[in-house]
Amino acid sequence: MKPNPDPEEQTKMDQATRTDLGVGEGSITEEDQPAAAPTEANNFWGMLLVAAFLLFYTICSAIISYNEGCTLQWMLGRYLAFLVFCPIAWVVRKPEQHTRFYGDTLYDTKVICLHAILEILNVYTYFYALHMVYVGDMEAIFLFIAPNLIAFLGRFCFKEALPQNIVFIIIVNIVGVIFVTQPSFIFPSEKSIDTAGLVLVLSSTILYSLDITLIGQHPNIHWMQFQIGSGLLTIAVLLPVCYGIDRLPWTEGGVLSGGSFDFSWSMLAWNAAVGAFSLLSQVCLIYGYQMGASTKVTYLEYVNLIFAYSIQWILFDEFRSVFEIIGAVLIASTSLILLYSQYRLYDEERNSTGRDSEYASLLGDEEDRL
């Protein structure tokens, strides 16, 4: 019979064994394992959700462009909708595996706060720029930078796979964007780009790209947690600070507010509409980028031009030139190619999974028979 080992010796032996097995200090635990790559099904549905986001967000932009108004008032309508709907939905049906609306861990809370800062700065600069920059120039700048920056961050920072024929897609989309928008910095035009407006558009584009990358890399955080954080920071900090600075005697009134508040019934109705469409757009945006790989999902951003110019044609009855029609066809074709190629990958994955399940079932039956 072996004598019982000394407790200290036993502890050292256990630690040595754990180290040999790679379980001790410094080893990779299950929680530290990198998240699995999105499936082809997730990429496909993520693309569709991003397309829905673009439609809803374009409607918001059209409402703001059509009615002008105060930038802070539009943001107030947007984030009040978040703060009214999200807490009620959280209480009525709290998402599974989530305990607190401000983040289940300290790290999640920090991510939510960072997202809130990026989002409200992005939305503020975007809404403000809608009254300063021609829509064609604005969309051109945004679409030249945002999808490629998001794909670059996803590929080189997080090793996500790029879509097939990426070079062809980028070239065709850029040509399509140029034809549709006919920006004044490429096509001869009497109009010029306001420098302050250009800075705002560039800032909004970079902030949007960083925020999208942050959202895509944290699928464990629920969209309501993201949006409650954004709503609280906007209502409690941004709006009071901007409004207070505009009221100071040595400041030029309305500079940060982007105009005067209008509390007429018609404007309040438009604010409510912006809030509703913003809520729908954010749900689709967050789910879309959390489901699919950002390098594949982001290139569907180009359909934004199709929605933007379709709504502009319906609301403002503006004539479509031949160049714009050609550009729209190019953009629509690449978007359809992307969706079709992703659907084929999704279908192959589904069939392969079905075959594997059928083979496993047959193998299990054969083992039972033997």
Protein backbone atom coordinates (compact mmCIF):
# COMPACT_ATOMS: atom_id res chain seq x y z
CA MET A 1 0.00 0.00 0.00
CA LYS A 2 1.41 3.37 -1.12
CA PRO A 3 1.70 6.06 1.54
CA ASN A 4 -0.41 9.18 1.05
CA PRO A 5 1.72 11.90 -0.59
CA ASP A 6 2.47 15.16 1.17
CA PRO A 7 -0.23 17.79 0.31
CA GLU A 8 2.35 20.24 -1.04
CA GLU A 9 3.94 17.53 -3.20
CA GLN A 10 0.50 16.51 -4.47
CA THR A 11 -0.28 20.13 -5.44
CA LYS A 12 3.00 20.40 -7.36
CA MET A 13 2.28 17.11 -9.16
CA ASP A 14 -1.24 18.28 -10.10
CA GLN A 15 0.09 21.57 -11.44
CA ALA A 16 2.76 19.77 -13.46
CA THR A 17 0.15 17.42 -14.91
CA ARG A 18 -2.12 20.34 -15.83
CA THR A 19 0.78 22.14 -17.47
CA ASP A 20 1.68 19.05 -19.51
CA LEU A 21 -1.91 18.81 -20.69
CA GLY A 22 -2.01 22.50 -21.62
CA VAL A 23 -4.65 23.36 -19.04
CA GLY A 24 -2.63 25.40 -16.59
CA GLU A 25 -1.93 29.07 -16.40
CA GLY A 26 -1.42 30.70 -19.80
CA SER A 27 -3.22 27.94 -21.68
CA ILE A 28 -6.14 28.53 -24.02
CA THR A 29 -9.44 27.78 -22.37
CA GLU A 30 -12.74 27.16 -24.09
CA GLU A 31 -13.77 30.78 -23.55
CA ASP A 32 -10.53 32.01 -25.15
CA GLN A 33 -11.00 30.00 -28.31
CA PRO A 34 -11.59 32.20 -31.37
CA ALA A 35 -15.17 32.36 -32.63
CA ALA A 36 -16.01 30.00 -35.43
CA ALA A 37 -16.09 31.51 -38.92
CA PRO A 38 -19.60 32.40 -40.14
CA THR A 39 -21.26 29.71 -42.23
CA GLU A 40 -22.26 30.37 -45.83
CA ALA A 41 -25.89 30.47 -44.70
CA ASN A 42 -25.05 33.20 -42.20
CA ASN A 43 -23.21 35.17 -44.89
CA PHE A 44 -26.22 34.93 -47.23
CA TRP A 45 -28.79 36.02 -44.66
CA GLY A 46 -26.41 38.69 -43.39
CA MET A 47 -26.30 40.17 -46.89
CA LEU A 48 -30.10 40.30 -47.09
CA LEU A 49 -30.31 41.98 -43.68
CA VAL A 50 -27.76 44.62 -44.69
CA ALA A 51 -29.79 45.29 -47.85
CA ALA A 52 -32.87 45.82 -45.64
CA PHE A 53 -30.84 48.15 -43.41
CA LEU A 54 -29.83 50.23 -46.42
CA LEU A 55 -33.45 50.54 -47.56
CA PHE A 56 -34.68 51.74 -44.15
CA TYR A 57 -31.72 54.08 -43.64
CA THR A 58 -32.15 55.58 -47.10
CA ILE A 59 -35.77 56.33 -46.26
CA CYS A 60 -34.57 58.17 -43.14
CA SER A 61 -32.08 60.18 -45.22
CA ALA A 62 -34.77 61.07 -47.75
CA ILE A 63 -37.10 62.30 -45.01
CA ILE A 64 -34.36 64.50 -43.52
CA SER A 65 -33.29 65.88 -46.91
CA TYR A 66 -36.89 66.57 -47.88
CA ASN A 67 -37.81 68.37 -44.64
CA GLU A 68 -34.42 69.85 -43.64
CA GLY A 69 -34.92 70.94 -40.01
CA CYS A 70 -32.66 70.72 -36.95
CA THR A 71 -29.97 68.02 -36.79
CA LEU A 72 -30.35 67.57 -33.03
CA GLN A 73 -34.11 67.25 -33.39
CA TRP A 74 -33.70 64.43 -35.93
CA MET A 75 -31.32 62.69 -33.54
CA LEU A 76 -33.78 63.22 -30.70
CA GLY A 77 -36.51 61.46 -32.70
CA ARG A 78 -34.15 58.63 -33.61
CA TYR A 79 -32.87 57.85 -30.12
CA LEU A 80 -36.13 58.45 -28.29
CA ALA A 81 -37.52 55.59 -30.38
CA PHE A 82 -34.67 53.40 -29.13
CA LEU A 83 -35.19 54.38 -25.49
CA VAL A 84 -38.94 53.83 -25.68
CA PHE A 85 -38.97 50.49 -27.50
CA CYS A 86 -35.81 48.72 -26.26
CA PRO A 87 -36.37 48.90 -22.46
CA ILE A 88 -39.99 47.80 -22.87
CA ALA A 89 -38.96 44.89 -25.09
CA TRP A 90 -36.18 43.99 -22.63
CA VAL A 91 -38.58 43.84 -19.69
CA VAL A 92 -41.37 42.04 -21.56
CA ARG A 93 -39.09 39.44 -23.13
CA LYS A 94 -35.52 39.61 -21.98
CA PRO A 95 -33.14 37.93 -24.45
CA GLU A 96 -31.84 34.55 -23.37
CA GLN A 97 -28.31 34.35 -21.95
CA HIS A 98 -28.32 38.07 -21.14
CA THR A 99 -28.66 39.43 -17.61
CA ARG A 100 -28.04 43.20 -17.77
CA PHE A 101 -28.96 45.72 -20.47
CA TYR A 102 -25.63 47.55 -20.02
CA GLY A 103 -23.55 44.42 -20.64
CA ASP A 104 -23.20 40.99 -19.11
CA THR A 105 -19.51 41.55 -18.30
CA LEU A 106 -17.31 44.60 -17.73
CA TYR A 107 -15.72 44.02 -21.15
CA ASP A 108 -19.14 43.98 -22.84
CA THR A 109 -20.02 47.25 -21.09
CA LYS A 110 -16.84 48.86 -22.46
CA VAL A 111 -17.68 47.64 -25.98
CA ILE A 112 -21.24 49.01 -25.69
CA CYS A 113 -19.90 52.40 -24.56
CA LEU A 114 -17.38 52.49 -27.41
CA HIS A 115 -20.11 51.59 -29.92
CA ALA A 116 -22.35 54.34 -28.51
CA ILE A 117 -19.62 56.96 -28.98
CA LEU A 118 -18.84 55.83 -32.53
CA GLU A 119 -22.49 55.59 -33.56
CA ILE A 120 -23.72 58.92 -32.26
CA LEU A 121 -20.72 60.77 -33.74
CA ASN A 122 -21.29 58.96 -37.04
CA VAL A 123 -25.02 59.74 -37.11
CA TYR A 124 -24.52 63.35 -36.00
CA THR A 125 -21.94 64.11 -38.70
CA TYR A 126 -24.01 62.26 -41.33
CA PHE A 127 -27.27 64.06 -40.48
CA TYR A 128 -25.45 67.40 -40.36
CA ALA A 129 -23.73 66.81 -43.71
CA LEU A 130 -27.07 66.05 -45.41
CA HIS A 131 -27.73 69.81 -45.44
CA MET A 132 -24.25 70.80 -46.65
CA VAL A 133 -23.12 68.36 -49.37
CA TYR A 134 -24.78 67.40 -52.66
CA VAL A 135 -26.21 63.92 -52.30
CA GLY A 136 -24.26 62.57 -55.29
CA ASP A 137 -20.93 63.72 -53.87
CA MET A 138 -21.88 62.44 -50.42
CA GLU A 139 -22.79 58.95 -51.63
CA ALA A 140 -19.72 58.80 -53.88
CA ILE A 141 -17.32 59.62 -51.04
CA PHE A 142 -19.04 57.20 -48.69
CA LEU A 143 -19.12 54.30 -51.15
CA PHE A 144 -15.54 54.86 -52.30
CA ILE A 145 -14.30 54.40 -48.74
CA ALA A 146 -16.66 52.54 -46.39
CA PRO A 147 -17.05 49.06 -47.98
CA ASN A 148 -13.35 48.76 -48.80
CA LEU A 149 -12.26 50.00 -45.37
CA ILE A 150 -14.60 47.53 -43.63
CA ALA A 151 -13.33 44.69 -45.83
CA PHE A 152 -9.72 45.73 -45.18
CA LEU A 153 -10.24 45.71 -41.40
CA GLY A 154 -12.06 42.36 -41.54
CA ARG A 155 -9.43 40.74 -43.74
CA PHE A 156 -6.18 41.99 -42.24
CA CYS A 157 -7.22 42.39 -38.61
CA PHE A 158 -9.53 39.38 -38.22
CA LYS A 159 -8.47 37.09 -41.13
CA GLU A 160 -11.94 36.92 -42.70
CA ALA A 161 -12.19 35.54 -46.23
CA LEU A 162 -12.87 37.93 -49.11
CA PRO A 163 -15.63 37.18 -51.64
CA GLN A 164 -14.77 35.60 -54.98
CA ASN A 165 -13.93 37.95 -57.89
CA ILE A 166 -13.31 40.76 -55.42
CA VAL A 167 -11.21 42.83 -57.83
CA PHE A 168 -13.90 42.64 -60.54
CA ILE A 169 -16.60 43.61 -58.01
CA ILE A 170 -14.65 46.63 -56.76
CA ILE A 171 -13.85 47.93 -60.26
CA VAL A 172 -17.40 47.56 -61.58
CA ASN A 173 -18.92 49.11 -58.47
CA ILE A 174 -16.58 52.10 -58.56
CA VAL A 175 -17.41 52.72 -62.23
CA GLY A 176 -21.11 52.37 -61.41
CA VAL A 177 -20.81 54.79 -58.49
CA ILE A 178 -19.09 57.36 -60.69
CA PHE A 179 -21.77 57.10 -63.40
CA VAL A 180 -24.68 57.28 -60.96
CA THR A 181 -23.43 60.05 -58.68
CA GLN A 182 -21.48 62.05 -61.29
CA PRO A 183 -19.55 63.77 -58.50
CA SER A 184 -18.43 67.32 -59.09
CA PHE A 185 -14.79 66.43 -58.39
CA ILE A 186 -14.78 64.15 -61.48
CA PHE A 187 -17.48 65.47 -63.84
CA PRO A 188 -17.38 69.15 -64.91
CA SER A 189 -19.92 71.04 -62.84
CA GLU A 190 -20.67 74.51 -61.55
CA LYS A 191 -21.22 73.23 -58.02
CA SER A 192 -18.33 72.81 -55.60
CA ILE A 193 -17.89 70.77 -52.42
CA ASP A 194 -18.08 72.65 -49.16
CA THR A 195 -14.87 71.99 -47.21
CA ALA A 196 -16.64 71.62 -43.87
CA GLY A 197 -19.19 69.30 -45.46
CA LEU A 198 -16.40 67.19 -46.97
CA VAL A 199 -14.74 66.83 -43.55
CA LEU A 200 -18.07 65.76 -42.04
CA VAL A 201 -18.68 63.13 -44.73
CA LEU A 202 -15.17 61.70 -44.38
CA SER A 203 -15.50 61.64 -40.59
CA SER A 204 -18.89 59.92 -40.77
CA THR A 205 -17.55 57.31 -43.21
CA ILE A 206 -14.55 56.41 -41.04
CA LEU A 207 -16.62 56.31 -37.84
CA TYR A 208 -19.22 54.10 -39.54
CA SER A 209 -16.55 51.66 -40.75
CA LEU A 210 -14.97 51.37 -37.31
CA ASP A 211 -18.36 50.91 -35.64
CA ILE A 212 -19.40 48.19 -38.11
CA THR A 213 -16.14 46.32 -37.50
CA LEU A 214 -16.67 46.55 -33.74
CA ILE A 215 -20.24 45.22 -34.00
CA GLY A 216 -19.26 42.35 -36.29
CA GLN A 217 -16.57 41.13 -33.91
CA HIS A 218 -18.92 40.97 -30.89
CA PRO A 219 -21.89 38.78 -31.85
CA ASN A 220 -22.47 37.92 -28.18
CA ILE A 221 -23.81 41.42 -27.45
CA HIS A 222 -27.52 41.84 -28.18
CA TRP A 223 -28.68 44.65 -30.46
CA MET A 224 -30.88 46.09 -27.68
CA GLN A 225 -27.83 46.38 -25.42
CA PHE A 226 -26.04 48.30 -28.17
CA GLN A 227 -28.96 50.65 -28.85
CA ILE A 228 -29.92 51.36 -25.24
CA GLY A 229 -26.34 52.50 -24.71
CA SER A 230 -26.45 54.75 -27.78
CA GLY A 231 -29.81 56.22 -26.77
CA LEU A 232 -28.73 56.99 -23.21
CA LEU A 233 -25.48 58.65 -24.29
CA THR A 234 -27.26 60.76 -26.92
CA ILE A 235 -30.14 61.94 -24.75
CA ALA A 236 -28.12 62.42 -21.57
CA VAL A 237 -24.86 63.84 -22.96
CA LEU A 238 -24.71 64.86 -26.63
CA LEU A 239 -27.99 66.74 -27.01
CA PRO A 240 -27.73 68.77 -23.75
CA VAL A 241 -24.07 69.67 -24.40
CA CYS A 242 -24.65 70.79 -28.01
CA TYR A 243 -27.82 72.68 -27.14
CA GLY A 244 -26.16 74.34 -24.13
CA ILE A 245 -23.12 75.46 -26.14
CA ASP A 246 -25.41 76.98 -28.79
CA ARG A 247 -27.14 79.03 -26.08
CA LEU A 248 -23.89 80.63 -24.85
CA PRO A 249 -23.76 84.41 -25.54
CA TRP A 250 -20.44 84.29 -27.44
CA THR A 251 -21.43 81.43 -29.77
CA GLU A 252 -23.29 81.75 -33.02
CA GLY A 253 -26.73 80.30 -32.30
CA GLY A 254 -27.65 77.01 -33.93
CA VAL A 255 -24.16 76.02 -35.12
CA LEU A 256 -24.02 72.70 -33.29
CA SER A 257 -27.78 72.16 -33.33
CA GLY A 258 -27.84 72.36 -37.11
CA GLY A 259 -30.88 74.65 -37.13
CA SER A 260 -33.83 75.65 -35.00
CA PHE A 261 -36.17 73.21 -33.29
CA ASP A 262 -39.63 72.91 -34.85
CA PHE A 263 -42.35 71.32 -32.71
CA SER A 264 -45.18 71.54 -35.23
CA TRP A 265 -47.35 68.44 -35.59
CA SER A 266 -46.05 67.70 -39.08
CA MET A 267 -42.41 67.88 -37.98
CA LEU A 268 -43.10 65.72 -34.93
CA ALA A 269 -44.73 63.14 -37.21
CA TRP A 270 -41.64 63.14 -39.45
CA ASN A 271 -39.42 62.78 -36.37
CA ALA A 272 -41.45 59.76 -35.28
CA ALA A 273 -41.10 58.25 -38.76
CA VAL A 274 -37.32 58.74 -38.66
CA GLY A 275 -37.26 57.08 -35.23
CA ALA A 276 -39.25 54.06 -36.45
CA PHE A 277 -37.19 53.53 -39.62
CA SER A 278 -33.95 54.09 -37.67
CA LEU A 279 -34.96 51.37 -35.22
CA LEU A 280 -35.70 48.92 -38.04
CA SER A 281 -32.46 49.82 -39.82
CA GLN A 282 -30.30 49.29 -36.73
CA VAL A 283 -31.84 45.89 -36.00
CA CYS A 284 -31.06 44.75 -39.56
CA LEU A 285 -27.59 46.32 -39.50
CA ILE A 286 -26.44 44.72 -36.24
CA TYR A 287 -27.91 41.30 -36.99
CA GLY A 288 -26.53 41.38 -40.55
CA TYR A 289 -22.93 42.15 -39.60
CA GLN A 290 -23.01 39.83 -36.57
CA MET A 291 -24.28 36.93 -38.70
CA GLY A 292 -22.02 37.22 -41.72
CA ALA A 293 -18.36 37.95 -42.37
CA SER A 294 -17.89 41.70 -42.82
CA THR A 295 -15.64 41.16 -45.84
CA LYS A 296 -18.55 39.57 -47.73
CA VAL A 297 -21.52 41.44 -46.30
CA THR A 298 -20.10 44.93 -46.75
CA TYR A 299 -20.01 44.87 -50.56
CA LEU A 300 -23.78 44.87 -50.63
CA GLU A 301 -23.53 48.46 -49.34
CA TYR A 302 -23.46 49.58 -52.99
CA VAL A 303 -27.18 48.88 -53.36
CA ASN A 304 -27.62 51.99 -51.22
CA LEU A 305 -27.35 53.99 -54.44
CA ILE A 306 -30.17 52.03 -56.04
CA PHE A 307 -32.46 52.77 -53.09
CA ALA A 308 -31.32 56.40 -52.79
CA TYR A 309 -31.91 57.32 -56.42
CA SER A 310 -35.13 55.32 -56.67
CA ILE A 311 -36.58 57.18 -53.69
CA GLN A 312 -35.26 60.49 -55.03
CA TRP A 313 -36.91 59.80 -58.39
CA ILE A 314 -40.23 58.88 -56.74
CA LEU A 315 -40.30 61.81 -54.29
CA PHE A 316 -38.64 64.57 -56.28
CA ASP A 317 -39.38 63.39 -59.85
CA GLU A 318 -35.80 64.09 -60.97
CA PHE A 319 -34.81 63.05 -64.49
CA ARG A 320 -32.46 60.09 -64.77
CA SER A 321 -29.61 60.55 -67.25
CA VAL A 322 -28.15 57.78 -69.39
CA PHE A 323 -25.00 57.71 -67.23
CA GLU A 324 -27.05 57.20 -64.08
CA ILE A 325 -29.04 54.36 -65.65
CA ILE A 326 -25.83 52.63 -66.79
CA GLY A 327 -24.28 53.02 -63.35
CA ALA A 328 -27.38 51.70 -61.63
CA VAL A 329 -27.41 48.64 -63.90
CA LEU A 330 -23.72 47.96 -63.15
CA ILE A 331 -24.23 48.24 -59.38
CA ALA A 332 -27.39 46.15 -59.43
CA SER A 333 -25.68 43.45 -61.51
CA THR A 334 -22.70 43.11 -59.15
CA SER A 335 -25.01 43.00 -56.15
CA LEU A 336 -27.07 40.25 -57.78
CA ILE A 337 -23.88 38.38 -58.68
CA LEU A 338 -22.73 38.60 -55.07
CA LEU A 339 -26.06 37.37 -53.76
CA TYR A 340 -26.27 34.56 -56.32
CA SER A 341 -22.71 33.33 -55.71
CA GLN A 342 -23.29 33.42 -51.96
CA TYR A 343 -26.57 31.55 -52.36
CA ARG A 344 -24.77 28.83 -54.35
CA LEU A 345 -22.24 28.46 -51.53
CA TYR A 346 -25.10 28.34 -49.05
CA ASP A 347 -26.90 25.69 -51.13
CA GLU A 348 -23.74 23.57 -51.45
CA GLU A 349 -23.17 23.79 -47.71
CA ARG A 350 -26.78 22.77 -47.04
CA ASN A 351 -26.59 19.81 -49.43
CA SER A 352 -23.24 18.73 -47.99
CA THR A 353 -24.65 18.86 -44.47
CA GLY A 354 -27.63 16.81 -45.58
CA ARG A 355 -25.41 14.18 -47.18
CA ASP A 356 -23.22 13.95 -44.08
CA SER A 357 -26.28 13.50 -41.87
CA GLU A 358 -27.67 10.81 -44.15
CA TYR A 359 -24.33 8.98 -44.21
CA ALA A 360 -24.05 9.16 -40.41
CA SER A 361 -27.58 7.78 -40.07
CA LEU A 362 -26.82 4.87 -42.43
CA LEU A 363 -23.57 4.15 -40.62
CA GLY A 364 -25.38 4.12 -37.27
CA ASP A 365 -28.01 1.70 -38.61
CA GLU A 366 -25.29 -0.59 -39.94
CA GLU A 367 -23.50 -0.62 -36.57
CA ASP A 368 -26.78 -1.42 -34.81
CA ARG A 369 -27.39 -4.31 -37.21
CA LEU A 370 -23.94 -5.74 -36.59
